[in-house]
Amino acid sequence: MIIERVGEVAYKLEVPYELAKVHNVFHVSMIRHYVADPSHVIPPQPLETNPDLTYDEEPVTILDWKEKVLRNKTVSLVKVLWRNHSAEDATWETEDWLRDLYPRLFYNY
C-alpha cells in the first residue's frame, strides 16, 4: 500500500514485517499494478486453541532491546514478536522475565 509520495517520481510503501529490512521508498518505474492470482493465496496457519477457546502465546523472536532508567535501578527491556501476531502487536517485556520463561530466545545473544 502506498503511504506517501516522496518527491516527483518516488513513493513510500507499507511493506510487510518480513521485508522490514528493505528500503521502503521506490521509484515510480519499479511499482507495478498487482494482478490478482488465486495461486498467490497463502493458507492460514492453524491456531491451536484450548478447550476454553483461549490460546497460549508463544514468542517468536526479539525485535529490539532498550534500557529503562527508573529512580534507583535500570531495567532491561526487549521487544518481542509473538506467534499469530504482526510486528505492530509486538510488546516490550522485561528481559529477566522473558529469559526465565523462554531461554531459547537468548541463545544467539
PDB file of N, CA and C in Angstrom:
ATOM      1  N   MET A   1       0.828  -1.161   0.000  1.00  0.00           N
ATOM      2  CA  MET A   1       0.000   0.000   0.000  1.00  0.00           C
ATOM      3  C   MET A   1       0.889   1.247   0.000  1.00  0.00           C
ATOM      4  N   ILE A   2       0.524   2.261  -0.750  1.00  0.00           N
ATOM      5  CA  ILE A   2       1.290   3.496  -0.820  1.00  0.00           C
ATOM      6  C   ILE A   2       0.968   4.346   0.402  1.00  0.00           C
ATOM      7  N   ILE A   3       2.018   4.757   1.120  1.00  0.00           N
ATOM      8  CA  ILE A   3       1.849   5.587   2.310  1.00  0.00           C
ATOM      9  C   ILE A   3       1.873   7.063   1.937  1.00  0.00           C
ATOM     10  N   GLU A   4       2.892   7.457   1.138  1.00  0.00           N
ATOM     11  CA  GLU A   4       3.001   8.866   0.762  1.00  0.00           C
ATOM     12  C   GLU A   4       3.855   9.010  -0.489  1.00  0.00           C
ATOM     13  N   ARG A   5       3.712  10.130  -1.122  1.00  0.00           N
ATOM     14  CA  ARG A   5       4.532  10.458  -2.293  1.00  0.00           C
ATOM     15  C   ARG A   5       5.784  11.169  -1.796  1.00  0.00           C
ATOM     16  N   VAL A   6       6.936  10.749  -2.312  1.00  0.00           N
ATOM     17  CA  VAL A   6       8.205  11.338  -1.916  1.00  0.00           C
ATOM     18  C   VAL A   6       8.831  11.950  -3.162  1.00  0.00           C
ATOM     19  N   GLY A   7       8.775  13.256  -3.293  1.00  0.00           N
ATOM     20  CA  GLY A   7       9.310  13.903  -4.482  1.00  0.00           C
ATOM     21  C   GLY A   7       8.407  13.691  -5.679  1.00  0.00           C
ATOM     22  N   GLU A   8       8.997  13.908  -6.874  1.00  0.00           N
ATOM     23  CA  GLU A   8       8.226  13.826  -8.116  1.00  0.00           C
ATOM     24  C   GLU A   8       8.003  12.394  -8.605  1.00  0.00           C
ATOM     25  N   VAL A   9       8.991  11.519  -8.375  1.00  0.00           N
ATOM     26  CA  VAL A   9       8.932  10.189  -9.003  1.00  0.00           C
ATOM     27  C   VAL A   9       9.157   9.029  -8.025  1.00  0.00           C
ATOM     28  N   ALA A  10       8.899   9.243  -6.732  1.00  0.00           N
ATOM     29  CA  ALA A  10       9.117   8.174  -5.752  1.00  0.00           C
ATOM     30  C   ALA A  10       7.938   8.095  -4.784  1.00  0.00           C
ATOM     31  N   TYR A  11       7.701   6.872  -4.301  1.00  0.00           N
ATOM     32  CA  TYR A  11       6.616   6.633  -3.347  1.00  0.00           C
ATOM     33  C   TYR A  11       7.133   5.803  -2.189  1.00  0.00           C
ATOM     34  N   LYS A  12       6.622   6.115  -1.012  1.00  0.00           N
ATOM     35  CA  LYS A  12       6.930   5.332   0.176  1.00  0.00           C
ATOM     36  C   LYS A  12       5.819   4.299   0.328  1.00  0.00           C
ATOM     37  N   LEU A  13       6.196   3.010   0.457  1.00  0.00           N
ATOM     38  CA  LEU A  13       5.224   1.927   0.540  1.00  0.00           C
ATOM     39  C   LEU A  13       5.216   1.303   1.916  1.00  0.00           C
ATOM     40  N   GLU A  14       4.063   0.793   2.299  1.00  0.00           N
ATOM     41  CA  GLU A  14       3.958  -0.004   3.512  1.00  0.00           C
ATOM     42  C   GLU A  14       4.365  -1.421   3.132  1.00  0.00           C
ATOM     43  N   VAL A  15       5.386  -1.957   3.785  1.00  0.00           N
ATOM     44  CA  VAL A  15       5.870  -3.302   3.457  1.00  0.00           C
ATOM     45  C   VAL A  15       5.595  -4.226   4.633  1.00  0.00           C
ATOM     46  N   PRO A  16       5.400  -5.516   4.392  1.00  0.00           N
ATOM     47  CA  PRO A  16       5.168  -6.461   5.482  1.00  0.00           C
ATOM     48  C   PRO A  16       6.411  -6.608   6.360  1.00  0.00           C
ATOM     49  N   TYR A  17       6.202  -7.118   7.571  1.00  0.00           N
ATOM     50  CA  TYR A  17       7.295  -7.272   8.533  1.00  0.00           C
ATOM     51  C   TYR A  17       8.461  -8.081   7.953  1.00  0.00           C
ATOM     52  N   GLU A  18       8.175  -9.085   7.155  1.00  0.00           N
ATOM     53  CA  GLU A  18       9.223  -9.936   6.595  1.00  0.00           C
ATOM     54  C   GLU A  18      10.184  -9.132   5.716  1.00  0.00           C
ATOM     55  N   LEU A  19       9.735  -7.991   5.203  1.00  0.00           N
ATOM     56  CA  LEU A  19      10.562  -7.134   4.350  1.00  0.00           C
ATOM     57  C   LEU A  19      10.997  -5.861   5.073  1.00  0.00           C
ATOM     58  N   ALA A  20      10.987  -5.890   6.391  1.00  0.00           N
ATOM     59  CA  ALA A  20      11.276  -4.691   7.183  1.00  0.00           C
ATOM     60  C   ALA A  20      12.679  -4.136   6.911  1.00  0.00           C
ATOM     61  N   LYS A  21      13.613  -4.970   6.503  1.00  0.00           N
ATOM     62  CA  LYS A  21      14.979  -4.502   6.246  1.00  0.00           C
ATOM     63  C   LYS A  21      15.162  -3.955   4.829  1.00  0.00           C
ATOM     64  N   VAL A  22      14.121  -4.016   4.027  1.00  0.00           N
ATOM     65  CA  VAL A  22      14.166  -3.494   2.663  1.00  0.00           C
ATOM     66  C   VAL A  22      13.770  -2.027   2.700  1.00  0.00           C
ATOM     67  N   HIS A  23      14.506  -1.188   1.973  1.00  0.00           N
ATOM     68  CA  HIS A  23      14.173   0.229   1.899  1.00  0.00           C
ATOM     69  C   HIS A  23      12.773   0.370   1.309  1.00  0.00           C
ATOM     70  N   ASN A  24      11.910   1.164   1.939  1.00  0.00           N
ATOM     71  CA  ASN A  24      10.511   1.193   1.530  1.00  0.00           C
ATOM     72  C   ASN A  24      10.144   2.380   0.641  1.00  0.00           C
ATOM     73  N   VAL A  25      11.138   3.060   0.041  1.00  0.00           N
ATOM     74  CA  VAL A  25      10.859   4.127  -0.922  1.00  0.00           C
ATOM     75  C   VAL A  25      11.284   3.624  -2.301  1.00  0.00           C
ATOM     76  N   PHE A  26      10.362   3.678  -3.271  1.00  0.00           N
ATOM     77  CA  PHE A  26      10.617   3.131  -4.595  1.00  0.00           C
ATOM     78  C   PHE A  26      10.374   4.170  -5.675  1.00  0.00           C
ATOM     79  N   HIS A  27      11.180   4.094  -6.720  1.00  0.00           N
ATOM     80  CA  HIS A  27      10.971   4.937  -7.903  1.00  0.00           C
ATOM     81  C   HIS A  27       9.709   4.450  -8.586  1.00  0.00           C
ATOM     82  N   VAL A  28       8.964   5.364  -9.167  1.00  0.00           N
ATOM     83  CA  VAL A  28       7.683   5.034  -9.771  1.00  0.00           C
ATOM     84  C   VAL A  28       7.811   3.952 -10.852  1.00  0.00           C
ATOM     85  N   SER A  29       8.943   3.868 -11.522  1.00  0.00           N
ATOM     86  CA  SER A  29       9.123   2.843 -12.565  1.00  0.00           C
ATOM     87  C   SER A  29       9.215   1.438 -11.984  1.00  0.00           C
ATOM     88  N   MET A  30       9.470   1.312 -10.685  1.00  0.00           N
ATOM     89  CA  MET A  30       9.598  -0.007 -10.046  1.00  0.00           C
ATOM     90  C   MET A  30       8.257  -0.533  -9.526  1.00  0.00           C
ATOM     91  N   ILE A  31       7.245   0.321  -9.466  1.00  0.00           N
ATOM     92  CA  ILE A  31       5.951  -0.065  -8.913  1.00  0.00           C
ATOM     93  C   ILE A  31       5.051  -0.572 -10.035  1.00  0.00           C
ATOM     94  N   ARG A  32       4.493  -1.755  -9.846  1.00  0.00           N
ATOM     95  CA  ARG A  32       3.602  -2.351 -10.843  1.00  0.00           C
ATOM     96  C   ARG A  32       2.230  -2.591 -10.221  1.00  0.00           C
ATOM     97  N   HIS A  33       1.217  -2.533 -11.042  1.00  0.00           N
ATOM     98  CA  HIS A  33      -0.134  -2.847 -10.603  1.00  0.00           C
ATOM     99  C   HIS A  33      -0.210  -4.341 -10.324  1.00  0.00           C
ATOM    100  N   TYR A  34      -0.787  -4.722  -9.205  1.00  0.00           N
ATOM    101  CA  TYR A  34      -0.920  -6.121  -8.851  1.00  0.00           C
ATOM    102  C   TYR A  34      -2.130  -6.729  -9.548  1.00  0.00           C
ATOM    103  N   VAL A  35      -1.908  -7.851 -10.206  1.00  0.00           N
ATOM    104  CA  VAL A  35      -2.990  -8.599 -10.843  1.00  0.00           C
ATOM    105  C   VAL A  35      -3.266  -9.816  -9.965  1.00  0.00           C
ATOM    106  N   ALA A  36      -4.485  -9.895  -9.464  1.00  0.00           N
ATOM    107  CA  ALA A  36      -4.843 -10.978  -8.545  1.00  0.00           C
ATOM    108  C   ALA A  36      -4.678 -12.342  -9.208  1.00  0.00           C
ATOM    109  N   ASP A  37      -4.151 -13.283  -8.460  1.00  0.00           N
ATOM    110  CA  ASP A  37      -3.931 -14.642  -8.938  1.00  0.00           C
ATOM    111  C   ASP A  37      -4.263 -15.584  -7.788  1.00  0.00           C
ATOM    112  N   PRO A  38      -5.188 -16.525  -7.974  1.00  0.00           N
ATOM    113  CA  PRO A  38      -5.563 -17.436  -6.884  1.00  0.00           C
ATOM    114  C   PRO A  38      -4.392 -18.245  -6.324  1.00  0.00           C
ATOM    115  N   SER A  39      -3.353 -18.456  -7.112  1.00  0.00           N
ATOM    116  CA  SER A  39      -2.212 -19.233  -6.607  1.00  0.00           C
ATOM    117  C   SER A  39      -1.357 -18.430  -5.628  1.00  0.00           C
ATOM    118  N   HIS A  40      -1.601 -17.124  -5.495  1.00  0.00           N
ATOM    119  CA  HIS A  40      -0.840 -16.288  -4.568  1.00  0.00           C
ATOM    120  C   HIS A  40      -1.396 -16.321  -3.150  1.00  0.00           C
ATOM    121  N   VAL A  41      -2.495 -17.009  -2.936  1.00  0.00           N
ATOM    122  CA  VAL A  41      -3.115 -17.059  -1.619  1.00  0.00           C
ATOM    123  C   VAL A  41      -2.287 -17.963  -0.705  1.00  0.00           C
ATOM    124  N   ILE A  42      -1.953 -17.440   0.452  1.00  0.00           N
ATOM    125  CA  ILE A  42      -1.197 -18.208   1.448  1.00  0.00           C
ATOM    126  C   ILE A  42      -2.198 -18.806   2.419  1.00  0.00           C
ATOM    127  N   PRO A  43      -2.170 -20.114   2.609  1.00  0.00           N
ATOM    128  CA  PRO A  43      -3.144 -20.726   3.527  1.00  0.00           C
ATOM    129  C   PRO A  43      -2.884 -20.254   4.956  1.00  0.00           C
ATOM    130  N   PRO A  44      -3.930 -20.013   5.723  1.00  0.00           N
ATOM    131  CA  PRO A  44      -3.748 -19.570   7.113  1.00  0.00           C
ATOM    132  C   PRO A  44      -3.128 -20.671   7.957  1.00  0.00           C
ATOM    133  N   GLN A  45      -2.338 -20.255   8.932  1.00  0.00           N
ATOM    134  CA  GLN A  45      -1.742 -21.207   9.857  1.00  0.00           C
ATOM    135  C   GLN A  45      -2.807 -21.612  10.873  1.00  0.00           C
ATOM    136  N   PRO A  46      -2.891 -22.896  11.186  1.00  0.00           N
ATOM    137  CA  PRO A  46      -3.907 -23.312  12.161  1.00  0.00           C
ATOM    138  C   PRO A  46      -3.586 -22.746  13.543  1.00  0.00           C
ATOM    139  N   LEU A  47      -4.597 -22.332  14.236  1.00  0.00           N
ATOM    140  CA  LEU A  47      -4.445 -21.798  15.577  1.00  0.00           C
ATOM    141  C   LEU A  47      -4.907 -22.855  16.560  1.00  0.00           C
ATOM    142  N   GLU A  48      -3.988 -23.310  17.393  1.00  0.00           N
ATOM    143  CA  GLU A  48      -4.325 -24.340  18.372  1.00  0.00           C
ATOM    144  C   GLU A  48      -4.979 -23.680  19.577  1.00  0.00           C
ATOM    145  N   THR A  49      -6.214 -24.038  19.838  1.00  0.00           N
ATOM    146  CA  THR A  49      -6.931 -23.445  20.959  1.00  0.00           C
ATOM    147  C   THR A  49      -7.119 -24.458  22.079  1.00  0.00           C
ATOM    148  N   ASN A  50      -7.234 -23.921  23.274  1.00  0.00           N
ATOM    149  CA  ASN A  50      -7.506 -24.737  24.456  1.00  0.00           C
ATOM    150  C   ASN A  50      -9.004 -25.015  24.512  1.00  0.00           C
ATOM    151  N   PRO A  51      -9.432 -25.954  25.349  1.00  0.00           N
ATOM    152  CA  PRO A  51     -10.873 -26.259  25.445  1.00  0.00           C
ATOM    153  C   PRO A  51     -11.739 -25.042  25.784  1.00  0.00           C
ATOM    154  N   ASP A  52     -11.173 -24.063  26.495  1.00  0.00           N
ATOM    155  CA  ASP A  52     -11.960 -22.877  26.846  1.00  0.00           C
ATOM    156  C   ASP A  52     -11.833 -21.778  25.784  1.00  0.00           C
ATOM    157  N   LEU A  53     -11.341 -22.151  24.581  1.00  0.00           N
ATOM    158  CA  LEU A  53     -11.204 -21.275  23.423  1.00  0.00           C
ATOM    159  C   LEU A  53     -10.163 -20.166  23.597  1.00  0.00           C
ATOM    160  N   THR A  54      -9.232 -20.343  24.509  1.00  0.00           N
ATOM    161  CA  THR A  54      -8.090 -19.445  24.612  1.00  0.00           C
ATOM    162  C   THR A  54      -6.915 -20.111  23.914  1.00  0.00           C
ATOM    163  N   TYR A  55      -5.847 -19.377  23.711  1.00  0.00           N
ATOM    164  CA  TYR A  55      -4.650 -19.990  23.138  1.00  0.00           C
ATOM    165  C   TYR A  55      -3.419 -19.476  23.874  1.00  0.00           C
ATOM    166  N   ASP A  56      -2.361 -20.264  23.823  1.00  0.00           N
ATOM    167  CA  ASP A  56      -1.133 -19.926  24.523  1.00  0.00           C
ATOM    168  C   ASP A  56      -0.268 -19.039  23.638  1.00  0.00           C
ATOM    169  N   GLU A  57       0.175 -17.935  24.214  1.00  0.00           N
ATOM    170  CA  GLU A  57       1.086 -17.042  23.492  1.00  0.00           C
ATOM    171  C   GLU A  57       2.470 -17.664  23.478  1.00  0.00           C
ATOM    172  N   GLU A  58       3.147 -17.553  22.347  1.00  0.00           N
ATOM    173  CA  GLU A  58       4.494 -18.097  22.203  1.00  0.00           C
ATOM    174  C   GLU A  58       5.352 -17.051  21.508  1.00  0.00           C
ATOM    175  N   PRO A  59       6.467 -16.645  22.129  1.00  0.00           N
ATOM    176  CA  PRO A  59       7.319 -15.661  21.476  1.00  0.00           C
ATOM    177  C   PRO A  59       8.072 -16.274  20.300  1.00  0.00           C
ATOM    178  N   VAL A  60       8.246 -15.487  19.242  1.00  0.00           N
ATOM    179  CA  VAL A  60       8.946 -15.957  18.053  1.00  0.00           C
ATOM    180  C   VAL A  60      10.391 -15.467  18.054  1.00  0.00           C
ATOM    181  N   THR A  61      10.567 -14.168  18.274  1.00  0.00           N
ATOM    182  CA  THR A  61      11.909 -13.594  18.238  1.00  0.00           C
ATOM    183  C   THR A  61      11.934 -12.270  18.993  1.00  0.00           C
ATOM    184  N   ILE A  62      13.137 -11.799  19.234  1.00  0.00           N
ATOM    185  CA  ILE A  62      13.333 -10.500  19.868  1.00  0.00           C
ATOM    186  C   ILE A  62      13.620  -9.491  18.761  1.00  0.00           C
ATOM    187  N   LEU A  63      12.852  -8.408  18.736  1.00  0.00           N
ATOM    188  CA  LEU A  63      12.996  -7.399  17.690  1.00  0.00           C
ATOM    189  C   LEU A  63      13.922  -6.261  18.091  1.00  0.00           C
ATOM    190  N   ASP A  64      13.954  -5.913  19.383  1.00  0.00           N
ATOM    191  CA  ASP A  64      14.722  -4.744  19.810  1.00  0.00           C
ATOM    192  C   ASP A  64      15.041  -4.855  21.293  1.00  0.00           C
ATOM    193  N   TRP A  65      16.030  -4.066  21.742  1.00  0.00           N
ATOM    194  CA  TRP A  65      16.448  -4.024  23.136  1.00  0.00           C
ATOM    195  C   TRP A  65      16.491  -2.570  23.575  1.00  0.00           C
ATOM    196  N   LYS A  66      16.212  -2.316  24.854  1.00  0.00           N
ATOM    197  CA  LYS A  66      16.425  -0.978  25.406  1.00  0.00           C
ATOM    198  C   LYS A  66      16.483  -1.091  26.921  1.00  0.00           C
ATOM    199  N   GLU A  67      17.025  -0.038  27.539  1.00  0.00           N
ATOM    200  CA  GLU A  67      17.083   0.006  28.992  1.00  0.00           C
ATOM    201  C   GLU A  67      16.250   1.173  29.475  1.00  0.00           C
ATOM    202  N   LYS A  68      15.461   0.931  30.508  1.00  0.00           N
ATOM    203  CA  LYS A  68      14.634   1.977  31.102  1.00  0.00           C
ATOM    204  C   LYS A  68      15.223   2.308  32.463  1.00  0.00           C
ATOM    205  N   VAL A  69      15.548   3.583  32.642  1.00  0.00           N
ATOM    206  CA  VAL A  69      16.149   4.028  33.895  1.00  0.00           C
ATOM    207  C   VAL A  69      15.042   4.491  34.817  1.00  0.00           C
ATOM    208  N   LEU A  70      14.957   3.819  35.972  1.00  0.00           N
ATOM    209  CA  LEU A  70      13.995   4.202  36.992  1.00  0.00           C
ATOM    210  C   LEU A  70      14.727   5.010  38.065  1.00  0.00           C
ATOM    211  N   ARG A  71      14.093   5.301  39.166  1.00  0.00           N
ATOM    212  CA  ARG A  71      14.726   6.128  40.201  1.00  0.00           C
ATOM    213  C   ARG A  71      16.040   5.551  40.701  1.00  0.00           C
ATOM    214  N   ASN A  72      16.018   4.276  41.064  1.00  0.00           N
ATOM    215  CA  ASN A  72      17.222   3.703  41.659  1.00  0.00           C
ATOM    216  C   ASN A  72      17.723   2.443  40.974  1.00  0.00           C
ATOM    217  N   LYS A  73      17.198   2.140  39.802  1.00  0.00           N
ATOM    218  CA  LYS A  73      17.698   0.972  39.077  1.00  0.00           C
ATOM    219  C   LYS A  73      17.420   1.104  37.587  1.00  0.00           C
ATOM    220  N   THR A  74      18.065   0.246  36.812  1.00  0.00           N
ATOM    221  CA  THR A  74      17.880   0.201  35.373  1.00  0.00           C
ATOM    222  C   THR A  74      17.280  -1.149  35.015  1.00  0.00           C
ATOM    223  N   VAL A  75      16.231  -1.128  34.202  1.00  0.00           N
ATOM    224  CA  VAL A  75      15.552  -2.360  33.793  1.00  0.00           C
ATOM    225  C   VAL A  75      15.808  -2.581  32.307  1.00  0.00           C
ATOM    226  N   SER A  76      16.271  -3.780  31.963  1.00  0.00           N
ATOM    227  CA  SER A  76      16.474  -4.138  30.559  1.00  0.00           C
ATOM    228  C   SER A  76      15.167  -4.655  29.977  1.00  0.00           C
ATOM    229  N   LEU A  77      14.792  -4.089  28.823  1.00  0.00           N
ATOM    230  CA  LEU A  77      13.559  -4.480  28.150  1.00  0.00           C
ATOM    231  C   LEU A  77      13.867  -5.029  26.765  1.00  0.00           C
ATOM    232  N   VAL A  78      13.042  -5.950  26.317  1.00  0.00           N
ATOM    233  CA  VAL A  78      13.157  -6.500  24.969  1.00  0.00           C
ATOM    234  C   VAL A  78      11.799  -6.405  24.282  1.00  0.00           C
ATOM    235  N   LYS A  79      11.817  -6.087  22.990  1.00  0.00           N
ATOM    236  CA  LYS A  79      10.581  -6.031  22.213  1.00  0.00           C
ATOM    237  C   LYS A  79      10.388  -7.396  21.577  1.00  0.00           C
ATOM    238  N   VAL A  80       9.263  -8.029  21.867  1.00  0.00           N
ATOM    239  CA  VAL A  80       9.024  -9.422  21.488  1.00  0.00           C
ATOM    240  C   VAL A  80       7.948  -9.530  20.420  1.00  0.00           C
ATOM    241  N   LEU A  81       8.255 -10.283  19.375  1.00  0.00           N
ATOM    242  CA  LEU A  81       7.268 -10.633  18.356  1.00  0.00           C
ATOM    243  C   LEU A  81       6.626 -11.945  18.776  1.00  0.00           C
ATOM    244  N   TRP A  82       5.302 -11.938  18.887  1.00  0.00           N
ATOM    245  CA  TRP A  82       4.561 -13.120  19.332  1.00  0.00           C
ATOM    246  C   TRP A  82       3.961 -13.872  18.147  1.00  0.00           C
ATOM    247  N   ARG A  83       3.891 -15.174  18.284  1.00  0.00           N
ATOM    248  CA  ARG A  83       3.283 -16.022  17.257  1.00  0.00           C
ATOM    249  C   ARG A  83       1.827 -15.615  17.076  1.00  0.00           C
ATOM    250  N   ASN A  84       1.346 -15.655  15.853  1.00  0.00           N
ATOM    251  CA  ASN A  84      -0.022 -15.292  15.481  1.00  0.00           C
ATOM    252  C   ASN A  84      -0.304 -13.796  15.636  1.00  0.00           C
ATOM    253  N   HIS A  85       0.750 -12.970  15.707  1.00  0.00           N
ATOM    254  CA  HIS A  85       0.590 -11.522  15.798  1.00  0.00           C
ATOM    255  C   HIS A  85       1.538 -10.855  14.809  1.00  0.00           C
ATOM    256  N   SER A  86       1.197  -9.659  14.395  1.00  0.00           N
ATOM    257  CA  SER A  86       2.062  -8.910  13.479  1.00  0.00           C
ATOM    258  C   SER A  86       3.089  -8.114  14.285  1.00  0.00           C
ATOM    259  N   ALA A  87       4.050  -7.531  13.579  1.00  0.00           N
ATOM    260  CA  ALA A  87       5.099  -6.741  14.230  1.00  0.00           C
ATOM    261  C   ALA A  87       4.514  -5.540  14.959  1.00  0.00           C
ATOM    262  N   GLU A  88       3.399  -5.009  14.474  1.00  0.00           N
ATOM    263  CA  GLU A  88       2.769  -3.875  15.143  1.00  0.00           C
ATOM    264  C   GLU A  88       2.247  -4.256  16.525  1.00  0.00           C
ATOM    265  N   ASP A  89       1.995  -5.539  16.748  1.00  0.00           N
ATOM    266  CA  ASP A  89       1.485  -6.015  18.034  1.00  0.00           C
ATOM    267  C   ASP A  89       2.594  -6.472  18.973  1.00  0.00           C
ATOM    268  N   ALA A  90       3.851  -6.291  18.580  1.00  0.00           N
ATOM    269  CA  ALA A  90       4.969  -6.683  19.436  1.00  0.00           C
ATOM    270  C   ALA A  90       4.912  -5.888  20.733  1.00  0.00           C
ATOM    271  N   THR A  91       5.345  -6.526  21.818  1.00  0.00           N
ATOM    272  CA  THR A  91       5.260  -5.894  23.133  1.00  0.00           C
ATOM    273  C   THR A  91       6.636  -5.801  23.785  1.00  0.00           C
ATOM    274  N   TRP A  92       6.785  -4.812  24.658  1.00  0.00           N
ATOM    275  CA  TRP A  92       8.008  -4.675  25.448  1.00  0.00           C
ATOM    276  C   TRP A  92       7.831  -5.473  26.726  1.00  0.00           C
ATOM    277  N   GLU A  93       8.792  -6.362  26.993  1.00  0.00           N
ATOM    278  CA  GLU A  93       8.770  -7.194  28.194  1.00  0.00           C
ATOM    279  C   GLU A  93      10.117  -7.067  28.898  1.00  0.00           C
ATOM    280  N   THR A  94      10.134  -7.355  30.200  1.00  0.00           N
ATOM    281  CA  THR A  94      11.414  -7.312  30.914  1.00  0.00           C
ATOM    282  C   THR A  94      12.275  -8.485  30.465  1.00  0.00           C
ATOM    283  N   GLU A  95      13.550  -8.206  30.288  1.00  0.00           N
ATOM    284  CA  GLU A  95      14.468  -9.245  29.818  1.00  0.00           C
ATOM    285  C   GLU A  95      14.545 -10.399  30.805  1.00  0.00           C
ATOM    286  N   ASP A  96      14.584 -10.106  32.096  1.00  0.00           N
ATOM    287  CA  ASP A  96      14.688 -11.170  33.111  1.00  0.00           C
ATOM    288  C   ASP A  96      13.497 -12.121  33.049  1.00  0.00           C
ATOM    289  N   TRP A  97      12.296 -11.557  32.944  1.00  0.00           N
ATOM    290  CA  TRP A  97      11.097 -12.390  32.887  1.00  0.00           C
ATOM    291  C   TRP A  97      11.120 -13.281  31.652  1.00  0.00           C
ATOM    292  N   LEU A  98      11.467 -12.688  30.521  1.00  0.00           N
ATOM    293  CA  LEU A  98      11.471 -13.447  29.272  1.00  0.00           C
ATOM    294  C   LEU A  98      12.578 -14.497  29.264  1.00  0.00           C
ATOM    295  N   ARG A  99      13.734 -14.149  29.812  1.00  0.00           N
ATOM    296  CA  ARG A  99      14.857 -15.095  29.871  1.00  0.00           C
ATOM    297  C   ARG A  99      14.510 -16.292  30.752  1.00  0.00           C
ATOM    298  N   ASP A 100      13.773 -16.060  31.835  1.00  0.00           N
ATOM    299  CA  ASP A 100      13.373 -17.163  32.719  1.00  0.00           C
ATOM    300  C   ASP A 100      12.399 -18.114  32.037  1.00  0.00           C
ATOM    301  N   LEU A 101      11.419 -17.551  31.316  1.00  0.00           N
ATOM    302  CA  LEU A 101      10.391 -18.386  30.689  1.00  0.00           C
ATOM    303  C   LEU A 101      10.801 -18.974  29.342  1.00  0.00           C
ATOM    304  N   TYR A 102      11.592 -18.214  28.559  1.00  0.00           N
ATOM    305  CA  TYR A 102      11.946 -18.633  27.194  1.00  0.00           C
ATOM    306  C   TYR A 102      13.449 -18.446  26.947  1.00  0.00           C
ATOM    307  N   PRO A 103      14.295 -19.222  27.600  1.00  0.00           N
ATOM    308  CA  PRO A 103      15.749 -19.029  27.430  1.00  0.00           C
ATOM    309  C   PRO A 103      16.232 -19.266  25.996  1.00  0.00           C
ATOM    310  N   ARG A 104      15.496 -20.034  25.204  1.00  0.00           N
ATOM    311  CA  ARG A 104      15.907 -20.307  23.822  1.00  0.00           C
ATOM    312  C   ARG A 104      16.002 -19.041  22.978  1.00  0.00           C
ATOM    313  N   LEU A 105      15.241 -18.013  23.331  1.00  0.00           N
ATOM    314  CA  LEU A 105      15.289 -16.751  22.577  1.00  0.00           C
ATOM    315  C   LEU A 105      16.642 -16.051  22.705  1.00  0.00           C
ATOM    316  N   PHE A 106      17.406 -16.397  23.737  1.00  0.00           N
ATOM    317  CA  PHE A 106      18.650 -15.688  24.020  1.00  0.00           C
ATOM    318  C   PHE A 106      19.894 -16.488  23.655  1.00  0.00           C
ATOM    319  N   TYR A 107      19.738 -17.634  23.026  1.00  0.00           N
ATOM    320  CA  TYR A 107      20.894 -18.462  22.667  1.00  0.00           C
ATOM    321  C   TYR A 107      21.836 -17.747  21.710  1.00  0.00           C
ATOM    322  N   ASN A 108      21.330 -16.911  20.813  1.00  0.00           N
ATOM    323  CA  ASN A 108      22.170 -16.232  19.832  1.00  0.00           C
ATOM    324  C   ASN A 108      22.717 -14.912  20.343  1.00  0.00           C
ATOM    325  N   TYR A 109      22.334 -14.502  21.569  1.00  0.00           N
ATOM    326  CA  TYR A 109      22.768 -13.195  22.071  1.00  0.00           C
ATOM    327  C   TYR A 109      23.778 -13.326  23.180  1.00  0.00           C
TER     328      TYR A 109
END
